[in-house]
Amino acid sequence: MKNYSSKGKTPSTGRHSPKAKFVRKRSKPAVAPHDVKVVLFNKPFDVLCQFTDDNNSATLADYIDIKHVYAAGRLDRDSEGLLLLTNCGKLQHKLANPKKNTYKTYWVQVEGTVEESSIQALQQGVELKDGLTLPAKVRVIEQPPGLWQRNPPIRDRKNIPTTWLEISIKEGKNRQVRRMTAHVGNPTLRLIRASIGPYQLGDLALGQYKIVAPYA
């Protein structure tokens, strides 16, 4: 009886067994501070937060011609306003990770008159299907000055008033702001992100971008 106990051979054939391939995942090199790019973009309604799409939808590539920058966090297709893109993974993580407690502020046009009790509920946290939201900063505001027209415009119901809210949250549940306002009986009609941490939308025109210096 042959002995196939020699190292590297299989009992069935006596041939050398194929060596397992260990592939070390290469991590992206850190971006030097002077090479960090931060791009602020005023995203229009119905634009995807990606550079390619198989269905020929409007994407970031239709507006931004800077290579190797990626969105730090998402902004829903039906939402507008500030989107931050960067080539720095560390900054992406800091701004997009809920554990980093970076506040995002939104201007939110909702249906109906918002009761004080609803504002208090949003401030304290409301129970959604995926859990209790963290306390939010919420206040009633006037329509932001210089606001562009949305295309297409929101549904206008003459017998039902609308209210503008400023809502700041530091977590990122899926479509969270919309679900929060619906929970208190005021469905969101229009949602515009105004700031991400220290980065502000300011007077950036719709569909335009600018390169800014990163905050320390």
N, C-alpha and C. Protein backbone atom coordinates (compact mmCIF):
# COMPACT_ATOMS: atom_id res chain seq x y z
N MET A 1 0.85 -1.19 0.00
CA MET A 1 0.00 0.00 0.00
C MET A 1 0.89 1.25 0.00
N LYS A 2 0.58 2.15 -0.96
CA LYS A 2 1.39 3.35 -1.07
C LYS A 2 1.06 4.34 0.03
N ASN A 3 2.04 5.02 0.45
CA ASN A 3 1.87 6.01 1.50
C ASN A 3 1.90 7.40 0.87
N TYR A 4 0.77 8.12 0.98
CA TYR A 4 0.67 9.47 0.41
C TYR A 4 0.70 10.53 1.50
N SER A 5 1.39 10.23 2.54
CA SER A 5 1.44 11.18 3.65
C SER A 5 2.48 12.27 3.44
N SER A 6 3.21 12.17 2.31
CA SER A 6 4.22 13.20 2.08
C SER A 6 3.58 14.56 1.96
N LYS A 7 4.27 15.56 2.41
CA LYS A 7 3.73 16.91 2.53
C LYS A 7 3.33 17.47 1.18
N GLY A 8 2.12 18.02 1.12
CA GLY A 8 1.67 18.70 -0.08
C GLY A 8 0.97 17.80 -1.07
N LYS A 9 0.80 16.46 -0.77
CA LYS A 9 0.14 15.56 -1.70
C LYS A 9 -1.21 15.14 -1.16
N THR A 10 -2.14 14.85 -2.07
CA THR A 10 -3.47 14.42 -1.67
C THR A 10 -3.55 12.91 -1.69
N PRO A 11 -4.34 12.28 -0.78
CA PRO A 11 -4.47 10.81 -0.75
C PRO A 11 -5.06 10.26 -2.03
N SER A 12 -5.87 11.01 -2.75
CA SER A 12 -6.57 10.48 -3.91
C SER A 12 -5.69 10.36 -5.14
N THR A 13 -4.76 11.28 -5.34
CA THR A 13 -3.97 11.28 -6.57
C THR A 13 -2.47 11.28 -6.33
N GLY A 14 -2.07 11.69 -5.14
CA GLY A 14 -0.65 11.81 -4.88
C GLY A 14 -0.05 13.07 -5.48
N ARG A 15 -0.88 13.89 -6.18
CA ARG A 15 -0.39 15.11 -6.77
C ARG A 15 -0.35 16.23 -5.73
N HIS A 16 0.41 17.19 -6.03
CA HIS A 16 0.46 18.35 -5.13
C HIS A 16 -0.88 19.07 -5.18
N SER A 17 -1.48 19.31 -4.02
CA SER A 17 -2.74 20.02 -3.97
C SER A 17 -2.52 21.48 -4.30
N PRO A 18 -3.50 22.13 -4.95
CA PRO A 18 -3.33 23.55 -5.27
C PRO A 18 -3.23 24.38 -4.01
N LYS A 19 -2.34 25.31 -4.06
CA LYS A 19 -2.16 26.17 -2.90
C LYS A 19 -3.29 27.18 -2.81
N ALA A 20 -3.77 27.40 -1.61
CA ALA A 20 -4.82 28.40 -1.42
C ALA A 20 -4.24 29.78 -1.72
N LYS A 21 -5.05 30.55 -2.39
CA LYS A 21 -4.60 31.89 -2.75
C LYS A 21 -5.08 32.90 -1.71
N PHE A 22 -4.17 33.54 -1.10
CA PHE A 22 -4.51 34.55 -0.10
C PHE A 22 -4.28 35.92 -0.73
N VAL A 23 -5.37 36.65 -0.90
CA VAL A 23 -5.28 37.96 -1.53
C VAL A 23 -5.40 39.03 -0.46
N ARG A 24 -4.38 39.78 -0.30
CA ARG A 24 -4.41 40.86 0.68
C ARG A 24 -5.12 42.07 0.06
N LYS A 25 -6.18 42.50 0.72
CA LYS A 25 -6.92 43.64 0.22
C LYS A 25 -6.11 44.90 0.41
N ARG A 26 -5.88 45.56 -0.68
CA ARG A 26 -5.11 46.79 -0.61
C ARG A 26 -5.98 47.96 -0.16
N SER A 27 -5.55 48.60 0.86
CA SER A 27 -6.29 49.77 1.33
C SER A 27 -5.86 50.98 0.52
N LYS A 28 -6.79 51.88 0.32
CA LYS A 28 -6.47 53.07 -0.44
C LYS A 28 -5.48 53.93 0.35
N PRO A 29 -4.48 54.42 -0.31
CA PRO A 29 -3.52 55.27 0.42
C PRO A 29 -4.18 56.53 0.93
N ALA A 30 -3.74 56.95 2.10
CA ALA A 30 -4.30 58.16 2.68
C ALA A 30 -3.97 59.36 1.79
N VAL A 31 -4.91 60.26 1.69
CA VAL A 31 -4.71 61.46 0.88
C VAL A 31 -3.95 62.49 1.71
N ALA A 32 -2.89 63.01 1.16
CA ALA A 32 -2.13 64.04 1.86
C ALA A 32 -3.00 65.27 2.08
N PRO A 33 -2.84 65.95 3.21
CA PRO A 33 -3.71 67.10 3.51
C PRO A 33 -3.81 68.11 2.38
N HIS A 34 -2.72 68.37 1.68
CA HIS A 34 -2.76 69.38 0.62
C HIS A 34 -3.41 68.86 -0.65
N ASP A 35 -3.70 67.54 -0.69
CA ASP A 35 -4.36 66.95 -1.86
C ASP A 35 -5.85 66.68 -1.64
N VAL A 36 -6.35 66.95 -0.44
CA VAL A 36 -7.76 66.70 -0.15
C VAL A 36 -8.64 67.65 -0.96
N LYS A 37 -9.63 67.07 -1.63
CA LYS A 37 -10.59 67.86 -2.39
C LYS A 37 -11.94 67.80 -1.69
N VAL A 38 -12.58 68.95 -1.54
CA VAL A 38 -13.93 69.02 -1.00
C VAL A 38 -14.78 69.81 -1.99
N VAL A 39 -15.81 69.17 -2.49
CA VAL A 39 -16.69 69.78 -3.49
C VAL A 39 -18.09 69.90 -2.90
N LEU A 40 -18.65 71.10 -2.93
CA LEU A 40 -20.02 71.32 -2.51
C LEU A 40 -20.89 71.48 -3.75
N PHE A 41 -21.99 70.73 -3.80
CA PHE A 41 -22.85 70.71 -4.97
C PHE A 41 -24.30 70.93 -4.54
N ASN A 42 -25.01 71.80 -5.26
CA ASN A 42 -26.43 72.03 -5.00
C ASN A 42 -27.21 71.10 -5.92
N LYS A 43 -27.60 69.95 -5.39
CA LYS A 43 -28.24 68.91 -6.19
C LYS A 43 -29.68 69.25 -6.52
N PRO A 44 -30.03 69.22 -7.80
CA PRO A 44 -31.43 69.44 -8.17
C PRO A 44 -32.29 68.21 -7.85
N PHE A 45 -33.59 68.43 -7.86
CA PHE A 45 -34.57 67.35 -7.74
C PHE A 45 -34.37 66.36 -8.88
N ASP A 46 -34.55 65.06 -8.61
CA ASP A 46 -34.55 63.99 -9.60
C ASP A 46 -33.16 63.72 -10.19
N VAL A 47 -32.11 64.02 -9.43
CA VAL A 47 -30.75 63.68 -9.83
C VAL A 47 -30.21 62.64 -8.86
N LEU A 48 -29.61 61.57 -9.41
CA LEU A 48 -29.06 60.51 -8.58
C LEU A 48 -27.70 60.92 -8.00
N CYS A 49 -27.41 60.45 -6.79
CA CYS A 49 -26.13 60.76 -6.15
C CYS A 49 -25.06 59.75 -6.54
N GLN A 50 -24.88 59.57 -7.84
CA GLN A 50 -23.87 58.68 -8.38
C GLN A 50 -23.49 59.20 -9.76
N PHE A 51 -22.38 58.67 -10.29
CA PHE A 51 -21.87 59.20 -11.55
C PHE A 51 -22.31 58.40 -12.77
N THR A 52 -22.85 57.20 -12.57
CA THR A 52 -23.32 56.39 -13.69
C THR A 52 -24.69 55.79 -13.36
N ASP A 53 -25.44 55.49 -14.41
CA ASP A 53 -26.74 54.85 -14.24
C ASP A 53 -27.13 54.15 -15.53
N ASP A 54 -27.58 52.91 -15.42
CA ASP A 54 -27.91 52.12 -16.61
C ASP A 54 -29.22 52.55 -17.25
N ASN A 55 -30.03 53.34 -16.54
CA ASN A 55 -31.33 53.73 -17.06
C ASN A 55 -31.35 55.14 -17.63
N ASN A 56 -30.17 55.70 -17.83
CA ASN A 56 -30.04 57.04 -18.41
C ASN A 56 -30.71 58.13 -17.58
N SER A 57 -30.75 57.92 -16.28
CA SER A 57 -31.27 58.96 -15.39
C SER A 57 -30.21 60.05 -15.22
N ALA A 58 -30.62 61.22 -14.78
CA ALA A 58 -29.68 62.29 -14.50
C ALA A 58 -28.78 61.90 -13.33
N THR A 59 -27.48 62.10 -13.48
CA THR A 59 -26.52 61.74 -12.45
C THR A 59 -25.57 62.90 -12.19
N LEU A 60 -24.66 62.69 -11.25
CA LEU A 60 -23.68 63.73 -10.92
C LEU A 60 -22.79 64.05 -12.11
N ALA A 61 -22.59 63.07 -13.00
CA ALA A 61 -21.74 63.30 -14.16
C ALA A 61 -22.29 64.37 -15.09
N ASP A 62 -23.58 64.64 -15.00
CA ASP A 62 -24.17 65.69 -15.83
C ASP A 62 -23.83 67.09 -15.32
N TYR A 63 -23.27 67.16 -14.10
CA TYR A 63 -23.03 68.46 -13.48
C TYR A 63 -21.59 68.65 -13.01
N ILE A 64 -20.91 67.57 -12.66
CA ILE A 64 -19.60 67.67 -12.03
C ILE A 64 -18.55 66.98 -12.90
N ASP A 65 -17.49 67.71 -13.25
CA ASP A 65 -16.44 67.17 -14.11
C ASP A 65 -15.12 66.97 -13.37
N ILE A 66 -15.21 66.73 -12.07
CA ILE A 66 -14.02 66.49 -11.25
C ILE A 66 -13.87 64.99 -11.04
N LYS A 67 -12.68 64.46 -11.26
CA LYS A 67 -12.44 63.03 -11.15
C LYS A 67 -12.11 62.62 -9.72
N HIS A 68 -12.46 61.37 -9.41
CA HIS A 68 -12.04 60.71 -8.17
C HIS A 68 -12.59 61.39 -6.90
N VAL A 69 -13.78 61.94 -6.99
CA VAL A 69 -14.46 62.41 -5.78
C VAL A 69 -15.77 61.64 -5.66
N TYR A 70 -16.17 61.40 -4.41
CA TYR A 70 -17.35 60.58 -4.16
C TYR A 70 -18.18 61.21 -3.05
N ALA A 71 -19.47 60.95 -3.09
CA ALA A 71 -20.39 61.58 -2.15
C ALA A 71 -20.15 61.09 -0.73
N ALA A 72 -20.11 62.03 0.20
CA ALA A 72 -20.02 61.71 1.62
C ALA A 72 -21.44 61.67 2.17
N GLY A 73 -22.04 60.50 2.13
CA GLY A 73 -23.45 60.38 2.50
C GLY A 73 -24.33 60.54 1.27
N ARG A 74 -25.58 60.19 1.42
CA ARG A 74 -26.50 60.22 0.30
C ARG A 74 -27.51 61.36 0.44
N LEU A 75 -28.15 61.65 -0.67
CA LEU A 75 -29.28 62.57 -0.70
C LEU A 75 -30.27 61.97 -1.67
N ASP A 76 -31.48 61.68 -1.20
CA ASP A 76 -32.46 60.96 -2.02
C ASP A 76 -32.70 61.65 -3.34
N ARG A 77 -33.10 60.87 -4.31
CA ARG A 77 -33.37 61.38 -5.65
C ARG A 77 -34.38 62.52 -5.62
N ASP A 78 -35.39 62.40 -4.75
CA ASP A 78 -36.44 63.42 -4.69
C ASP A 78 -36.15 64.51 -3.68
N SER A 79 -34.91 64.58 -3.21
CA SER A 79 -34.49 65.65 -2.31
C SER A 79 -33.50 66.56 -3.03
N GLU A 80 -33.32 67.75 -2.49
CA GLU A 80 -32.49 68.76 -3.13
C GLU A 80 -31.45 69.29 -2.15
N GLY A 81 -30.56 70.12 -2.70
CA GLY A 81 -29.68 70.86 -1.82
C GLY A 81 -28.28 70.29 -1.71
N LEU A 82 -27.66 70.51 -0.54
CA LEU A 82 -26.23 70.31 -0.37
C LEU A 82 -25.83 68.84 -0.41
N LEU A 83 -24.92 68.55 -1.34
CA LEU A 83 -24.24 67.26 -1.39
C LEU A 83 -22.75 67.55 -1.35
N LEU A 84 -22.04 66.85 -0.48
CA LEU A 84 -20.60 67.05 -0.36
C LEU A 84 -19.89 65.85 -0.97
N LEU A 85 -18.90 66.13 -1.82
CA LEU A 85 -18.09 65.09 -2.43
C LEU A 85 -16.64 65.33 -2.06
N THR A 86 -15.89 64.24 -1.91
CA THR A 86 -14.49 64.37 -1.53
C THR A 86 -13.71 63.16 -2.01
N ASN A 87 -12.40 63.30 -2.09
CA ASN A 87 -11.52 62.18 -2.40
C ASN A 87 -10.88 61.61 -1.14
N CYS A 88 -11.31 62.10 0.01
CA CYS A 88 -10.72 61.71 1.30
C CYS A 88 -11.64 60.75 2.04
N GLY A 89 -11.23 59.49 2.14
CA GLY A 89 -12.05 58.51 2.82
C GLY A 89 -12.29 58.82 4.28
N LYS A 90 -11.30 59.40 4.93
CA LYS A 90 -11.43 59.76 6.34
C LYS A 90 -12.52 60.80 6.53
N LEU A 91 -12.57 61.78 5.64
CA LEU A 91 -13.61 62.82 5.72
C LEU A 91 -14.97 62.23 5.38
N GLN A 92 -15.02 61.37 4.38
CA GLN A 92 -16.28 60.70 4.05
C GLN A 92 -16.84 60.00 5.27
N HIS A 93 -16.00 59.24 5.94
CA HIS A 93 -16.44 58.48 7.11
C HIS A 93 -16.92 59.41 8.22
N LYS A 94 -16.18 60.47 8.44
CA LYS A 94 -16.53 61.40 9.51
C LYS A 94 -17.90 62.02 9.28
N LEU A 95 -18.21 62.38 8.03
CA LEU A 95 -19.47 63.07 7.74
C LEU A 95 -20.65 62.12 7.58
N ALA A 96 -20.39 60.89 7.11
CA ALA A 96 -21.49 59.97 6.82
C ALA A 96 -21.81 59.02 7.96
N ASN A 97 -20.87 58.78 8.85
CA ASN A 97 -21.08 57.81 9.93
C ASN A 97 -21.90 58.43 11.06
N PRO A 98 -23.08 57.84 11.37
CA PRO A 98 -23.93 58.40 12.43
C PRO A 98 -23.22 58.49 13.78
N LYS A 99 -22.24 57.63 14.02
CA LYS A 99 -21.55 57.63 15.31
C LYS A 99 -20.68 58.86 15.49
N LYS A 100 -20.41 59.58 14.40
CA LYS A 100 -19.57 60.77 14.49
C LYS A 100 -20.35 62.01 14.90
N ASN A 101 -21.69 61.87 15.01
CA ASN A 101 -22.54 62.96 15.51
C ASN A 101 -22.43 64.25 14.69
N THR A 102 -22.34 64.09 13.39
CA THR A 102 -22.32 65.26 12.51
C THR A 102 -23.76 65.66 12.18
N TYR A 103 -24.15 66.86 12.55
CA TYR A 103 -25.52 67.30 12.29
C TYR A 103 -25.70 67.67 10.82
N LYS A 104 -26.82 67.23 10.25
CA LYS A 104 -27.25 67.66 8.92
C LYS A 104 -28.53 68.45 9.09
N THR A 105 -28.59 69.62 8.48
CA THR A 105 -29.75 70.50 8.63
C THR A 105 -30.53 70.55 7.32
N TYR A 106 -31.86 70.45 7.45
CA TYR A 106 -32.74 70.43 6.29
C TYR A 106 -33.81 71.51 6.40
N TRP A 107 -34.15 72.08 5.26
CA TRP A 107 -35.34 72.92 5.15
C TRP A 107 -36.44 72.02 4.60
N VAL A 108 -37.53 71.93 5.33
CA VAL A 108 -38.56 70.95 5.00
C VAL A 108 -39.92 71.64 4.88
N GLN A 109 -40.50 71.56 3.72
CA GLN A 109 -41.86 72.07 3.52
C GLN A 109 -42.82 70.91 3.72
N VAL A 110 -43.70 71.05 4.69
CA VAL A 110 -44.63 69.97 5.02
C VAL A 110 -46.06 70.41 4.79
N GLU A 111 -46.91 69.44 4.70
CA GLU A 111 -48.33 69.70 4.50
C GLU A 111 -49.00 70.02 5.83
N GLY A 112 -49.83 71.07 5.82
CA GLY A 112 -50.61 71.40 6.99
C GLY A 112 -49.91 72.33 7.96
N THR A 113 -50.62 72.69 9.01
CA THR A 113 -50.07 73.50 10.10
C THR A 113 -49.46 72.57 11.13
N VAL A 114 -48.26 72.86 11.56
CA VAL A 114 -47.55 72.00 12.50
C VAL A 114 -47.85 72.44 13.93
N GLU A 115 -48.42 71.55 14.71
CA GLU A 115 -48.74 71.85 16.10
C GLU A 115 -47.49 71.86 16.96
N GLU A 116 -47.55 72.60 18.04
CA GLU A 116 -46.42 72.65 18.97
C GLU A 116 -46.12 71.27 19.54
N SER A 117 -47.16 70.48 19.76
CA SER A 117 -46.96 69.13 20.28
C SER A 117 -46.18 68.27 19.30
N SER A 118 -46.39 68.50 18.00
CA SER A 118 -45.66 67.75 16.98
C SER A 118 -44.19 68.13 16.98
N ILE A 119 -43.93 69.42 17.13
CA ILE A 119 -42.54 69.87 17.20
C ILE A 119 -41.83 69.26 18.40
N GLN A 120 -42.52 69.24 19.54
CA GLN A 120 -41.93 68.66 20.74
C GLN A 120 -41.65 67.17 20.56
N ALA A 121 -42.57 66.48 19.88
CA ALA A 121 -42.38 65.06 19.63
C ALA A 121 -41.15 64.81 18.76
N LEU A 122 -40.98 65.62 17.72
CA LEU A 122 -39.81 65.48 16.86
C LEU A 122 -38.53 65.80 17.60
N GLN A 123 -38.59 66.78 18.48
CA GLN A 123 -37.42 67.16 19.25
C GLN A 123 -37.00 66.05 20.22
N GLN A 124 -37.98 65.34 20.74
CA GLN A 124 -37.70 64.30 21.73
C GLN A 124 -37.36 62.95 21.10
N GLY A 125 -37.84 62.74 19.87
CA GLY A 125 -37.64 61.46 19.19
C GLY A 125 -38.96 60.75 18.98
N VAL A 126 -39.16 60.22 17.78
CA VAL A 126 -40.41 59.50 17.46
C VAL A 126 -40.07 58.07 17.10
N GLU A 127 -41.03 57.18 17.33
CA GLU A 127 -40.83 55.76 17.11
C GLU A 127 -41.18 55.40 15.67
N LEU A 128 -40.16 55.04 14.89
CA LEU A 128 -40.35 54.58 13.52
C LEU A 128 -40.22 53.06 13.48
N LYS A 129 -40.45 52.47 12.32
CA LYS A 129 -40.40 51.01 12.22
C LYS A 129 -39.02 50.46 12.55
N ASP A 130 -37.98 51.25 12.30
CA ASP A 130 -36.62 50.79 12.58
C ASP A 130 -36.05 51.39 13.86
N GLY A 131 -36.93 51.85 14.73
CA GLY A 131 -36.48 52.30 16.03
C GLY A 131 -36.78 53.75 16.33
N LEU A 132 -36.46 54.13 17.56
CA LEU A 132 -36.69 55.48 18.04
C LEU A 132 -35.63 56.41 17.47
N THR A 133 -36.06 57.54 16.92
CA THR A 133 -35.09 58.52 16.41
C THR A 133 -34.44 59.26 17.58
N LEU A 134 -33.23 59.70 17.36
CA LEU A 134 -32.56 60.52 18.37
C LEU A 134 -33.21 61.90 18.42
N PRO A 135 -33.08 62.59 19.52
CA PRO A 135 -33.63 63.95 19.60
C PRO A 135 -33.12 64.81 18.45
N ALA A 136 -34.01 65.60 17.88
CA ALA A 136 -33.67 66.46 16.75
C ALA A 136 -33.85 67.92 17.14
N LYS A 137 -33.21 68.79 16.40
CA LYS A 137 -33.42 70.23 16.55
C LYS A 137 -34.47 70.64 15.53
N VAL A 138 -35.58 71.19 15.98
CA VAL A 138 -36.70 71.48 15.08
C VAL A 138 -37.28 72.86 15.41
N ARG A 139 -37.52 73.64 14.38
CA ARG A 139 -38.20 74.92 14.58
C ARG A 139 -38.94 75.30 13.30
N VAL A 140 -40.00 76.08 13.46
CA VAL A 140 -40.75 76.61 12.32
C VAL A 140 -39.99 77.80 11.76
N ILE A 141 -39.89 77.89 10.43
CA ILE A 141 -39.20 79.00 9.78
C ILE A 141 -40.06 79.55 8.64
N GLU A 142 -39.68 80.70 8.16
CA GLU A 142 -40.28 81.22 6.92
C GLU A 142 -39.63 80.50 5.74
N GLN A 143 -40.27 80.56 4.59
CA GLN A 143 -39.64 79.99 3.41
C GLN A 143 -38.27 80.63 3.22
N PRO A 144 -37.23 79.80 3.04
CA PRO A 144 -35.88 80.37 2.90
C PRO A 144 -35.82 81.39 1.77
N PRO A 145 -35.18 82.52 1.99
CA PRO A 145 -35.10 83.56 0.95
C PRO A 145 -34.28 83.10 -0.24
N GLY A 146 -34.67 83.54 -1.42
CA GLY A 146 -33.92 83.22 -2.63
C GLY A 146 -34.02 81.78 -3.07
N LEU A 147 -35.04 81.08 -2.56
CA LEU A 147 -35.18 79.67 -2.90
C LEU A 147 -35.60 79.50 -4.36
N TRP A 148 -34.94 78.60 -5.05
CA TRP A 148 -35.23 78.33 -6.46
C TRP A 148 -36.55 77.57 -6.60
N GLN A 149 -37.13 77.62 -7.78
CA GLN A 149 -38.34 76.86 -8.08
C GLN A 149 -37.96 75.40 -8.34
N ARG A 150 -38.74 74.51 -7.76
CA ARG A 150 -38.48 73.09 -8.02
C ARG A 150 -39.11 72.69 -9.35
N ASN A 151 -38.45 71.81 -10.07
CA ASN A 151 -38.98 71.32 -11.33
C ASN A 151 -39.04 69.79 -11.30
N PRO A 152 -40.27 69.22 -11.25
CA PRO A 152 -41.57 69.89 -11.29
C PRO A 152 -41.93 70.48 -9.92
N PRO A 153 -42.87 71.42 -9.89
CA PRO A 153 -43.27 72.02 -8.61
C PRO A 153 -44.00 71.01 -7.74
N ILE A 154 -44.07 71.31 -6.45
CA ILE A 154 -44.79 70.41 -5.54
C ILE A 154 -46.28 70.47 -5.83
N ARG A 155 -46.97 69.47 -5.37
CA ARG A 155 -48.43 69.45 -5.52
C ARG A 155 -49.03 70.56 -4.67
N ASP A 156 -49.85 71.38 -5.30
CA ASP A 156 -50.45 72.53 -4.61
C ASP A 156 -51.91 72.22 -4.31
N ARG A 157 -52.25 72.23 -3.02
CA ARG A 157 -53.63 72.01 -2.60
C ARG A 157 -54.10 73.29 -1.92
N LYS A 158 -54.92 74.03 -2.59
CA LYS A 158 -55.29 75.38 -2.16
C LYS A 158 -55.95 75.41 -0.78
N ASN A 159 -56.66 74.37 -0.43
CA ASN A 159 -57.38 74.37 0.85
C ASN A 159 -56.53 73.88 2.01
N ILE A 160 -55.32 73.46 1.73
CA ILE A 160 -54.44 72.95 2.79
C ILE A 160 -53.17 73.78 2.83
N PRO A 161 -52.88 74.45 3.94
CA PRO A 161 -51.67 75.27 4.04
C PRO A 161 -50.42 74.40 4.12
N THR A 162 -49.28 75.02 3.94
CA THR A 162 -48.01 74.32 4.14
C THR A 162 -47.18 75.09 5.16
N THR A 163 -46.23 74.40 5.76
CA THR A 163 -45.35 74.98 6.78
C THR A 163 -43.91 74.61 6.46
N TRP A 164 -43.01 75.56 6.68
CA TRP A 164 -41.59 75.28 6.54
C TRP A 164 -40.97 75.01 7.91
N LEU A 165 -40.19 73.93 7.98
CA LEU A 165 -39.48 73.58 9.21
C LEU A 165 -37.98 73.54 8.93
N GLU A 166 -37.21 73.83 9.94
CA GLU A 166 -35.77 73.57 9.90
C GLU A 166 -35.52 72.41 10.85
N ILE A 167 -35.01 71.32 10.31
CA ILE A 167 -34.79 70.11 11.11
C ILE A 167 -33.33 69.70 11.01
N SER A 168 -32.69 69.52 12.16
CA SER A 168 -31.30 69.07 12.21
C SER A 168 -31.24 67.72 12.92
N ILE A 169 -30.62 66.75 12.26
CA ILE A 169 -30.48 65.41 12.83
C ILE A 169 -29.03 64.98 12.72
N LYS A 170 -28.63 64.04 13.56
CA LYS A 170 -27.25 63.55 13.54
C LYS A 170 -27.18 62.05 13.29
N GLU A 171 -28.24 61.50 12.74
CA GLU A 171 -28.23 60.10 12.34
C GLU A 171 -28.73 60.01 10.91
N GLY A 172 -28.74 58.82 10.34
CA GLY A 172 -29.06 58.73 8.92
C GLY A 172 -29.92 57.54 8.56
N LYS A 173 -31.05 57.37 9.25
CA LYS A 173 -31.97 56.31 8.87
C LYS A 173 -32.52 56.61 7.47
N ASN A 174 -32.89 55.56 6.75
CA ASN A 174 -33.39 55.72 5.40
C ASN A 174 -34.61 56.64 5.35
N ARG A 175 -34.52 57.70 4.55
CA ARG A 175 -35.61 58.66 4.37
C ARG A 175 -36.16 59.13 5.72
N GLN A 176 -35.27 59.38 6.63
CA GLN A 176 -35.65 59.63 8.01
C GLN A 176 -36.52 60.87 8.20
N VAL A 177 -36.10 61.99 7.62
CA VAL A 177 -36.86 63.23 7.85
C VAL A 177 -38.28 63.08 7.31
N ARG A 178 -38.43 62.51 6.15
CA ARG A 178 -39.77 62.31 5.57
C ARG A 178 -40.63 61.44 6.48
N ARG A 179 -40.05 60.39 7.01
CA ARG A 179 -40.82 59.51 7.89
C ARG A 179 -41.15 60.16 9.22
N MET A 180 -40.24 61.01 9.69
CA MET A 180 -40.49 61.71 10.95
C MET A 180 -41.69 62.66 10.82
N THR A 181 -41.72 63.46 9.76
CA THR A 181 -42.82 64.42 9.62
C THR A 181 -44.14 63.70 9.34
N ALA A 182 -44.08 62.60 8.58
CA ALA A 182 -45.30 61.83 8.32
C ALA A 182 -45.84 61.24 9.63
N HIS A 183 -44.94 60.85 10.50
CA HIS A 183 -45.33 60.25 11.78
C HIS A 183 -46.17 61.21 12.62
N VAL A 184 -45.89 62.50 12.53
CA VAL A 184 -46.64 63.48 13.34
C VAL A 184 -47.78 64.11 12.54
N GLY A 185 -48.06 63.55 11.36
CA GLY A 185 -49.22 64.00 10.61
C GLY A 185 -48.98 65.14 9.63
N ASN A 186 -47.70 65.39 9.31
CA ASN A 186 -47.36 66.47 8.37
C ASN A 186 -46.42 65.93 7.29
N PRO A 187 -46.97 65.31 6.25
CA PRO A 187 -46.13 64.72 5.20
C PRO A 187 -45.22 65.75 4.55
N THR A 188 -44.01 65.33 4.24
CA THR A 188 -43.05 66.21 3.59
C THR A 188 -43.41 66.39 2.11
N LEU A 189 -43.45 67.64 1.69
CA LEU A 189 -43.69 67.97 0.29
C LEU A 189 -42.39 68.28 -0.45
N ARG A 190 -41.47 68.91 0.27
CA ARG A 190 -40.20 69.30 -0.34
C ARG A 190 -39.12 69.25 0.73
N LEU A 191 -37.94 68.73 0.36
CA LEU A 191 -36.87 68.59 1.34
C LEU A 191 -35.56 69.07 0.71
N ILE A 192 -34.91 70.01 1.39
CA ILE A 192 -33.67 70.63 0.91
C ILE A 192 -32.63 70.57 2.01
N ARG A 193 -31.47 69.98 1.72
CA ARG A 193 -30.42 69.96 2.74
C ARG A 193 -29.65 71.27 2.68
N ALA A 194 -29.53 71.91 3.83
CA ALA A 194 -28.90 73.22 3.92
C ALA A 194 -27.47 73.16 4.43
N SER A 195 -27.13 72.15 5.23
CA SER A 195 -25.76 72.08 5.76
C SER A 195 -25.42 70.66 6.18
N ILE A 196 -24.12 70.39 6.18
CA ILE A 196 -23.56 69.13 6.68
C ILE A 196 -22.42 69.52 7.59
N GLY A 197 -22.62 69.41 8.90
CA GLY A 197 -21.59 69.87 9.82
C GLY A 197 -21.28 71.33 9.55
N PRO A 198 -20.01 71.69 9.35
CA PRO A 198 -19.65 73.09 9.13
C PRO A 198 -19.84 73.56 7.69
N TYR A 199 -20.18 72.64 6.79
CA TYR A 199 -20.30 72.99 5.37
C TYR A 199 -21.72 73.47 5.07
N GLN A 200 -21.82 74.64 4.45
CA GLN A 200 -23.11 75.29 4.23
C GLN A 200 -23.44 75.38 2.74
N LEU A 201 -24.74 75.28 2.43
CA LEU A 201 -25.20 75.47 1.06
C LEU A 201 -24.99 76.92 0.63
N GLY A 202 -25.30 77.85 1.52
CA GLY A 202 -25.10 79.27 1.24
C GLY A 202 -25.85 79.72 0.00
N ASP A 203 -25.19 80.49 -0.84
CA ASP A 203 -25.83 81.03 -2.03
C ASP A 203 -25.46 80.24 -3.29
N LEU A 204 -25.03 79.00 -3.11
CA LEU A 204 -24.65 78.17 -4.25
C LEU A 204 -25.88 77.92 -5.12
N ALA A 205 -25.77 78.25 -6.40
CA ALA A 205 -26.91 78.15 -7.32
C ALA A 205 -27.26 76.70 -7.61
N LEU A 206 -28.50 76.45 -7.94
CA LEU A 206 -28.97 75.11 -8.24
C LEU A 206 -28.18 74.52 -9.41
N GLY A 207 -27.71 73.29 -9.23
CA GLY A 207 -26.97 72.61 -10.27
C GLY A 207 -25.52 73.01 -10.40
N GLN A 208 -25.05 73.89 -9.50
CA GLN A 208 -23.67 74.37 -9.54
C GLN A 208 -22.87 73.75 -8.40
N TYR A 209 -21.55 73.72 -8.59
CA TYR A 209 -20.66 73.23 -7.53
C TYR A 209 -19.51 74.19 -7.32
N LYS A 210 -18.87 74.06 -6.18
CA LYS A 210 -17.66 74.83 -5.92
C LYS A 210 -16.72 74.00 -5.07
N ILE A 211 -15.44 74.26 -5.22
CA ILE A 211 -14.41 73.58 -4.44
C ILE A 211 -14.05 74.47 -3.26
N VAL A 212 -14.05 73.88 -2.07
CA VAL A 212 -13.75 74.64 -0.85
C VAL A 212 -12.63 73.98 -0.09
N ALA A 213 -12.05 74.72 0.81
CA ALA A 213 -11.00 74.18 1.67
C ALA A 213 -11.63 73.30 2.75
N PRO A 214 -11.03 72.16 3.05
CA PRO A 214 -11.58 71.30 4.12
C PRO A 214 -11.42 71.93 5.48
N TYR A 215 -12.41 71.70 6.33
CA TYR A 215 -12.29 72.16 7.72
C TYR A 215 -11.40 71.20 8.47
N ALA A 216 -10.68 71.71 9.43
CA ALA A 216 -9.76 70.87 10.23
C ALA A 216 -10.57 69.90 11.07
